[in-house]
Amino acid sequence: MPFLDSLVTQKEESFITNVYVKPTNTGHCLNRESECPQRYKDSTIGAYMRRALTHCSTWQLMHKEIERSTQVLINNGFSERDIIRQTKKIMENWYNRNATKKSRDITIFYRAFFSTAHQEEERIISQIVNRNVKPADQRGE
């Protein structure tokens, strides 16, 4: 049963997931020769590879999806070298994401005091209010 871009099939007591590609999909994506930054092209390759990693429940299905995605990318002008480089980078990041997290401490400098100017401003505002504002209800006097 297709759901979003995943194909979910029941096999005995478990479910198997795979990338779902509509039959009407023509295989077009961002072309390698298009006028756009290299990071967009790398992101296109990465999106296909991450989708294979997140959607496929078995190694065989993932390998098959990576082969299909590689062919789609080659058909859209990407070089096999770029695809392999990006795939390797995505795979390394995927399987080493907990081991490669680097803790970077950030030091924030600030002054931990208030100036006394606010006290002077409060006193002046209080004087202005007391001089110029009269209560509407005079019964209290």
N, C-alpha and C. Protein backbone atom coordinates (compact mmCIF):
# COMPACT_ATOMS: atom_id res chain seq x y z
N MET A 1 0.85 -1.17 0.00
CA MET A 1 0.00 0.00 0.00
C MET A 1 0.90 1.24 0.00
N PRO A 2 0.83 2.08 -1.04
CA PRO A 2 1.65 3.29 -1.06
C PRO A 2 1.12 4.34 -0.08
N PHE A 3 2.04 4.98 0.61
CA PHE A 3 1.69 6.05 1.54
C PHE A 3 2.77 7.11 1.42
N LEU A 4 2.38 8.30 0.97
CA LEU A 4 3.33 9.37 0.64
C LEU A 4 4.36 8.81 -0.34
N ASP A 5 5.63 8.82 -0.02
CA ASP A 5 6.60 8.24 -0.96
C ASP A 5 7.16 6.92 -0.45
N SER A 6 6.36 6.22 0.37
CA SER A 6 6.76 4.91 0.89
C SER A 6 5.79 3.85 0.42
N LEU A 7 6.32 2.68 0.19
CA LEU A 7 5.49 1.53 -0.15
C LEU A 7 5.56 0.57 1.03
N VAL A 8 4.42 0.32 1.64
CA VAL A 8 4.36 -0.55 2.82
C VAL A 8 3.68 -1.85 2.40
N THR A 9 4.39 -2.97 2.60
CA THR A 9 3.82 -4.28 2.29
C THR A 9 3.92 -5.17 3.52
N GLN A 10 2.88 -5.99 3.70
CA GLN A 10 2.88 -6.90 4.84
C GLN A 10 3.41 -8.25 4.38
N LYS A 11 4.36 -8.75 5.16
CA LYS A 11 4.92 -10.07 4.86
C LYS A 11 4.84 -10.88 6.14
N GLU A 12 3.97 -11.85 6.16
CA GLU A 12 3.72 -12.69 7.32
C GLU A 12 3.40 -11.82 8.54
N GLU A 13 4.30 -11.79 9.51
CA GLU A 13 4.03 -11.08 10.76
C GLU A 13 4.67 -9.69 10.81
N SER A 14 5.22 -9.21 9.71
CA SER A 14 5.92 -7.92 9.75
C SER A 14 5.59 -7.08 8.52
N PHE A 15 6.04 -5.86 8.55
CA PHE A 15 5.86 -4.95 7.43
C PHE A 15 7.22 -4.67 6.80
N ILE A 16 7.20 -4.52 5.49
CA ILE A 16 8.41 -4.16 4.75
C ILE A 16 8.13 -2.82 4.08
N THR A 17 9.10 -1.92 4.20
CA THR A 17 8.94 -0.60 3.59
C THR A 17 9.99 -0.41 2.51
N ASN A 18 9.59 0.37 1.52
CA ASN A 18 10.46 0.66 0.39
C ASN A 18 10.06 2.02 -0.16
N VAL A 19 10.90 2.59 -1.02
CA VAL A 19 10.57 3.85 -1.68
C VAL A 19 9.51 3.57 -2.73
N TYR A 20 8.46 4.39 -2.74
CA TYR A 20 7.41 4.24 -3.74
C TYR A 20 7.61 5.27 -4.84
N VAL A 21 7.63 4.79 -6.07
CA VAL A 21 7.74 5.67 -7.23
C VAL A 21 6.50 5.45 -8.07
N LYS A 22 5.78 6.52 -8.34
CA LYS A 22 4.55 6.41 -9.13
C LYS A 22 4.87 5.88 -10.53
N PRO A 23 3.94 5.13 -11.10
CA PRO A 23 4.16 4.63 -12.47
C PRO A 23 4.29 5.76 -13.49
N THR A 24 3.73 6.91 -13.18
CA THR A 24 3.79 8.04 -14.11
C THR A 24 5.06 8.88 -13.95
N ASN A 25 5.93 8.51 -13.01
CA ASN A 25 7.17 9.25 -12.78
C ASN A 25 8.06 9.15 -14.01
N THR A 26 8.47 10.30 -14.54
CA THR A 26 9.31 10.31 -15.74
C THR A 26 10.79 10.28 -15.42
N GLY A 27 11.16 10.40 -14.16
CA GLY A 27 12.56 10.33 -13.78
C GLY A 27 13.32 11.63 -13.91
N HIS A 28 12.59 12.73 -14.03
CA HIS A 28 13.26 14.03 -14.14
C HIS A 28 13.55 14.59 -12.76
N CYS A 29 14.71 15.21 -12.64
CA CYS A 29 15.08 15.95 -11.44
C CYS A 29 16.00 17.08 -11.87
N LEU A 30 16.56 17.79 -10.93
CA LEU A 30 17.48 18.87 -11.25
C LEU A 30 18.60 18.34 -12.14
N ASN A 31 18.83 19.00 -13.26
CA ASN A 31 19.86 18.56 -14.19
C ASN A 31 21.22 19.09 -13.76
N ARG A 32 22.24 18.28 -13.95
CA ARG A 32 23.61 18.65 -13.57
C ARG A 32 24.08 19.90 -14.31
N GLU A 33 23.59 20.11 -15.51
CA GLU A 33 24.03 21.24 -16.33
C GLU A 33 23.25 22.52 -16.05
N SER A 34 22.31 22.48 -15.13
CA SER A 34 21.50 23.67 -14.84
C SER A 34 22.35 24.73 -14.13
N GLU A 35 21.93 25.97 -14.27
CA GLU A 35 22.63 27.10 -13.64
C GLU A 35 22.15 27.26 -12.21
N CYS A 36 22.81 26.60 -11.31
CA CYS A 36 22.49 26.72 -9.89
C CYS A 36 23.74 26.37 -9.09
N PRO A 37 23.78 26.76 -7.83
CA PRO A 37 24.97 26.46 -7.01
C PRO A 37 25.21 24.96 -6.87
N GLN A 38 26.46 24.61 -6.68
CA GLN A 38 26.85 23.20 -6.54
C GLN A 38 26.15 22.55 -5.35
N ARG A 39 25.89 23.32 -4.30
CA ARG A 39 25.25 22.73 -3.11
C ARG A 39 23.83 22.25 -3.44
N TYR A 40 23.15 22.88 -4.41
CA TYR A 40 21.82 22.40 -4.82
C TYR A 40 21.95 21.05 -5.51
N LYS A 41 22.97 20.91 -6.34
CA LYS A 41 23.18 19.65 -7.05
C LYS A 41 23.55 18.54 -6.06
N ASP A 42 24.43 18.87 -5.11
CA ASP A 42 24.79 17.89 -4.07
C ASP A 42 23.58 17.51 -3.24
N SER A 43 22.72 18.49 -2.98
CA SER A 43 21.52 18.24 -2.19
C SER A 43 20.55 17.31 -2.93
N THR A 44 20.50 17.43 -4.24
CA THR A 44 19.64 16.54 -5.04
C THR A 44 20.11 15.09 -4.89
N ILE A 45 21.40 14.89 -5.01
CA ILE A 45 21.96 13.54 -4.84
C ILE A 45 21.69 13.05 -3.42
N GLY A 46 21.95 13.91 -2.44
CA GLY A 46 21.75 13.55 -1.04
C GLY A 46 20.31 13.18 -0.72
N ALA A 47 19.37 13.89 -1.33
CA ALA A 47 17.96 13.62 -1.06
C ALA A 47 17.58 12.21 -1.51
N TYR A 48 18.06 11.82 -2.69
CA TYR A 48 17.78 10.46 -3.17
C TYR A 48 18.39 9.41 -2.25
N MET A 49 19.62 9.65 -1.83
CA MET A 49 20.31 8.65 -0.99
C MET A 49 19.72 8.58 0.42
N ARG A 50 19.39 9.73 0.99
CA ARG A 50 18.77 9.72 2.33
C ARG A 50 17.40 9.06 2.30
N ARG A 51 16.68 9.27 1.21
CA ARG A 51 15.37 8.62 1.09
C ARG A 51 15.53 7.11 1.05
N ALA A 52 16.54 6.62 0.38
CA ALA A 52 16.79 5.17 0.37
C ALA A 52 17.11 4.68 1.78
N LEU A 53 17.91 5.44 2.52
CA LEU A 53 18.27 5.05 3.88
C LEU A 53 17.08 5.06 4.83
N THR A 54 16.21 6.04 4.70
CA THR A 54 15.11 6.17 5.66
C THR A 54 13.89 5.33 5.31
N HIS A 55 13.70 5.02 4.04
CA HIS A 55 12.46 4.35 3.64
C HIS A 55 12.59 2.84 3.46
N CYS A 56 13.78 2.35 3.20
CA CYS A 56 13.95 0.92 2.92
C CYS A 56 14.24 0.15 4.20
N SER A 57 13.50 -0.93 4.40
CA SER A 57 13.64 -1.68 5.65
C SER A 57 14.66 -2.81 5.57
N THR A 58 15.15 -3.14 4.38
CA THR A 58 16.18 -4.19 4.26
C THR A 58 17.35 -3.67 3.43
N TRP A 59 18.50 -4.33 3.61
CA TRP A 59 19.69 -3.95 2.85
C TRP A 59 19.47 -4.16 1.35
N GLN A 60 18.80 -5.25 0.99
CA GLN A 60 18.59 -5.54 -0.42
C GLN A 60 17.74 -4.45 -1.08
N LEU A 61 16.67 -4.04 -0.39
CA LEU A 61 15.82 -2.98 -0.94
C LEU A 61 16.58 -1.65 -1.02
N MET A 62 17.39 -1.37 -0.01
CA MET A 62 18.15 -0.13 -0.02
C MET A 62 19.16 -0.13 -1.17
N HIS A 63 19.83 -1.24 -1.38
CA HIS A 63 20.80 -1.34 -2.47
C HIS A 63 20.11 -1.16 -3.82
N LYS A 64 18.96 -1.80 -3.97
CA LYS A 64 18.19 -1.68 -5.21
C LYS A 64 17.75 -0.23 -5.44
N GLU A 65 17.32 0.45 -4.38
CA GLU A 65 16.88 1.84 -4.50
C GLU A 65 18.06 2.76 -4.82
N ILE A 66 19.21 2.50 -4.22
CA ILE A 66 20.39 3.32 -4.53
C ILE A 66 20.79 3.13 -6.00
N GLU A 67 20.70 1.91 -6.50
CA GLU A 67 20.99 1.67 -7.92
C GLU A 67 19.99 2.40 -8.82
N ARG A 68 18.71 2.34 -8.46
CA ARG A 68 17.68 3.04 -9.26
C ARG A 68 17.92 4.54 -9.23
N SER A 69 18.19 5.08 -8.03
CA SER A 69 18.43 6.52 -7.89
C SER A 69 19.68 6.95 -8.66
N THR A 70 20.71 6.12 -8.62
CA THR A 70 21.94 6.42 -9.36
C THR A 70 21.65 6.51 -10.85
N GLN A 71 20.84 5.61 -11.36
CA GLN A 71 20.49 5.64 -12.78
C GLN A 71 19.69 6.89 -13.12
N VAL A 72 18.75 7.28 -12.26
CA VAL A 72 17.97 8.50 -12.48
C VAL A 72 18.90 9.71 -12.53
N LEU A 73 19.84 9.77 -11.59
CA LEU A 73 20.77 10.90 -11.53
C LEU A 73 21.70 10.93 -12.75
N ILE A 74 22.18 9.78 -13.18
CA ILE A 74 23.02 9.72 -14.38
C ILE A 74 22.23 10.16 -15.60
N ASN A 75 20.96 9.76 -15.68
CA ASN A 75 20.10 10.18 -16.79
C ASN A 75 19.89 11.69 -16.80
N ASN A 76 20.06 12.33 -15.65
CA ASN A 76 19.90 13.78 -15.54
C ASN A 76 21.25 14.52 -15.56
N GLY A 77 22.29 13.84 -16.05
CA GLY A 77 23.56 14.50 -16.30
C GLY A 77 24.58 14.46 -15.19
N PHE A 78 24.26 13.87 -14.06
CA PHE A 78 25.23 13.81 -12.95
C PHE A 78 26.30 12.79 -13.26
N SER A 79 27.52 13.09 -12.84
CA SER A 79 28.62 12.14 -13.08
C SER A 79 28.59 11.06 -12.00
N GLU A 80 29.04 9.90 -12.39
CA GLU A 80 29.07 8.79 -11.43
C GLU A 80 30.01 9.11 -10.27
N ARG A 81 31.08 9.83 -10.57
CA ARG A 81 32.03 10.23 -9.52
C ARG A 81 31.35 11.10 -8.46
N ASP A 82 30.54 12.10 -8.90
CA ASP A 82 29.83 12.96 -7.95
C ASP A 82 28.82 12.16 -7.13
N ILE A 83 28.14 11.23 -7.78
CA ILE A 83 27.14 10.42 -7.08
C ILE A 83 27.81 9.55 -6.03
N ILE A 84 28.92 8.92 -6.38
CA ILE A 84 29.63 8.06 -5.41
C ILE A 84 30.17 8.90 -4.26
N ARG A 85 30.74 10.07 -4.56
CA ARG A 85 31.28 10.94 -3.52
C ARG A 85 30.19 11.36 -2.53
N GLN A 86 29.05 11.80 -3.07
CA GLN A 86 27.95 12.24 -2.20
C GLN A 86 27.33 11.08 -1.45
N THR A 87 27.19 9.93 -2.10
CA THR A 87 26.62 8.75 -1.44
C THR A 87 27.50 8.31 -0.28
N LYS A 88 28.80 8.30 -0.51
CA LYS A 88 29.74 7.92 0.55
C LYS A 88 29.64 8.89 1.72
N LYS A 89 29.56 10.17 1.42
CA LYS A 89 29.45 11.19 2.48
C LYS A 89 28.16 11.00 3.28
N ILE A 90 27.05 10.78 2.59
CA ILE A 90 25.75 10.59 3.26
C ILE A 90 25.79 9.34 4.13
N MET A 91 26.33 8.25 3.59
CA MET A 91 26.39 6.98 4.35
C MET A 91 27.26 7.13 5.59
N GLU A 92 28.42 7.77 5.44
CA GLU A 92 29.30 7.95 6.60
C GLU A 92 28.63 8.80 7.68
N ASN A 93 27.98 9.87 7.26
CA ASN A 93 27.27 10.72 8.23
C ASN A 93 26.11 9.97 8.88
N TRP A 94 25.43 9.15 8.10
CA TRP A 94 24.27 8.42 8.60
C TRP A 94 24.66 7.41 9.68
N TYR A 95 25.72 6.66 9.43
CA TYR A 95 26.10 5.59 10.36
C TYR A 95 27.04 6.06 11.46
N ASN A 96 27.60 7.23 11.34
CA ASN A 96 28.49 7.75 12.37
C ASN A 96 27.95 9.03 13.01
N ARG A 97 26.68 9.28 12.89
CA ARG A 97 26.14 10.56 13.36
C ARG A 97 26.27 10.73 14.87
N ASN A 98 26.15 9.68 15.66
CA ASN A 98 26.31 9.81 17.10
C ASN A 98 27.78 9.91 17.49
N ALA A 99 28.64 9.23 16.77
CA ALA A 99 30.06 9.22 17.10
C ALA A 99 30.75 10.53 16.70
N THR A 100 30.20 11.22 15.70
CA THR A 100 30.88 12.41 15.20
C THR A 100 30.34 13.71 15.78
N LYS A 101 29.38 13.63 16.67
CA LYS A 101 28.88 14.86 17.26
C LYS A 101 29.97 15.48 18.12
N LYS A 102 30.31 16.68 17.76
CA LYS A 102 31.36 17.38 18.50
C LYS A 102 30.70 18.39 19.42
N SER A 103 31.17 18.40 20.63
CA SER A 103 30.65 19.36 21.60
C SER A 103 31.47 20.64 21.48
N ARG A 104 30.78 21.70 21.16
CA ARG A 104 31.45 22.99 21.08
C ARG A 104 30.84 23.91 22.11
N ASP A 105 31.68 24.33 23.04
CA ASP A 105 31.22 25.26 24.06
C ASP A 105 31.24 26.67 23.49
N ILE A 106 30.18 27.39 23.76
CA ILE A 106 30.09 28.78 23.32
C ILE A 106 30.09 29.65 24.57
N THR A 107 31.01 30.59 24.61
CA THR A 107 31.11 31.50 25.74
C THR A 107 30.39 32.79 25.39
N ILE A 108 29.46 33.18 26.24
CA ILE A 108 28.72 34.42 26.04
C ILE A 108 29.16 35.40 27.12
N PHE A 109 29.60 36.57 26.70
CA PHE A 109 30.03 37.60 27.63
C PHE A 109 28.90 38.60 27.81
N TYR A 110 28.64 38.97 29.04
CA TYR A 110 27.60 39.95 29.32
C TYR A 110 27.92 40.65 30.63
N ARG A 111 27.26 41.78 30.85
CA ARG A 111 27.41 42.50 32.10
C ARG A 111 26.22 42.16 32.98
N ALA A 112 26.50 41.77 34.18
CA ALA A 112 25.43 41.30 35.08
C ALA A 112 25.07 42.39 36.09
N PHE A 113 24.65 43.55 35.62
CA PHE A 113 24.19 44.57 36.55
C PHE A 113 23.22 45.50 35.83
N PHE A 114 22.36 46.13 36.60
CA PHE A 114 21.46 47.15 36.10
C PHE A 114 21.99 48.50 36.52
N SER A 115 21.81 49.47 35.68
CA SER A 115 22.22 50.81 36.11
C SER A 115 21.12 51.38 37.01
N THR A 116 21.46 52.41 37.74
CA THR A 116 20.48 53.03 38.65
C THR A 116 19.65 54.08 37.92
N ALA A 117 19.84 54.24 36.62
CA ALA A 117 19.09 55.24 35.86
C ALA A 117 17.60 54.94 35.89
N HIS A 118 17.22 53.67 35.94
CA HIS A 118 15.79 53.35 35.94
C HIS A 118 15.11 53.86 37.20
N GLN A 119 15.82 53.90 38.31
CA GLN A 119 15.23 54.41 39.55
C GLN A 119 14.92 55.90 39.42
N GLU A 120 15.80 56.65 38.81
CA GLU A 120 15.58 58.09 38.60
C GLU A 120 14.39 58.30 37.67
N GLU A 121 14.30 57.49 36.60
CA GLU A 121 13.18 57.62 35.67
C GLU A 121 11.86 57.30 36.36
N GLU A 122 11.81 56.28 37.20
CA GLU A 122 10.59 55.94 37.94
C GLU A 122 10.17 57.08 38.85
N ARG A 123 11.13 57.72 39.54
CA ARG A 123 10.84 58.83 40.44
C ARG A 123 10.25 60.01 39.66
N ILE A 124 10.80 60.35 38.51
CA ILE A 124 10.31 61.47 37.71
C ILE A 124 8.91 61.18 37.18
N ILE A 125 8.67 59.96 36.70
CA ILE A 125 7.33 59.60 36.19
C ILE A 125 6.32 59.67 37.32
N SER A 126 6.66 59.19 38.50
CA SER A 126 5.76 59.25 39.65
C SER A 126 5.42 60.69 40.00
N GLN A 127 6.38 61.61 39.97
CA GLN A 127 6.13 63.03 40.25
C GLN A 127 5.19 63.63 39.21
N ILE A 128 5.40 63.31 37.93
CA ILE A 128 4.55 63.84 36.86
C ILE A 128 3.12 63.37 37.05
N VAL A 129 2.94 62.09 37.37
CA VAL A 129 1.59 61.55 37.58
C VAL A 129 0.93 62.22 38.78
N ASN A 130 1.64 62.35 39.89
CA ASN A 130 1.06 62.95 41.09
C ASN A 130 0.68 64.41 40.88
N ARG A 131 1.43 65.17 40.10
CA ARG A 131 1.12 66.57 39.85
C ARG A 131 -0.02 66.77 38.89
N ASN A 132 -0.18 65.92 37.90
CA ASN A 132 -1.09 66.18 36.79
C ASN A 132 -2.33 65.30 36.74
N VAL A 133 -2.39 64.26 37.51
CA VAL A 133 -3.54 63.36 37.45
C VAL A 133 -4.33 63.48 38.73
N LYS A 134 -5.61 63.80 38.58
CA LYS A 134 -6.52 63.89 39.73
C LYS A 134 -7.51 62.74 39.64
N PRO A 135 -7.81 62.11 40.76
CA PRO A 135 -8.79 61.02 40.74
C PRO A 135 -10.18 61.54 40.34
N ALA A 136 -10.94 60.74 39.62
CA ALA A 136 -12.28 61.13 39.19
C ALA A 136 -13.26 61.03 40.34
N ASP A 137 -13.03 60.17 41.28
CA ASP A 137 -13.92 59.98 42.42
C ASP A 137 -13.34 60.75 43.61
N GLN A 138 -13.97 61.84 44.01
CA GLN A 138 -13.47 62.69 45.09
C GLN A 138 -14.07 62.33 46.44
N ARG A 139 -14.86 61.25 46.54
CA ARG A 139 -15.51 60.90 47.80
C ARG A 139 -14.53 60.49 48.87
N GLY A 140 -13.35 60.00 48.51
CA GLY A 140 -12.38 59.53 49.49
C GLY A 140 -11.77 60.66 50.30
N GLU A 141 -11.95 61.92 49.95
CA GLU A 141 -11.34 63.03 50.68
C GLU A 141 -12.20 63.56 51.76
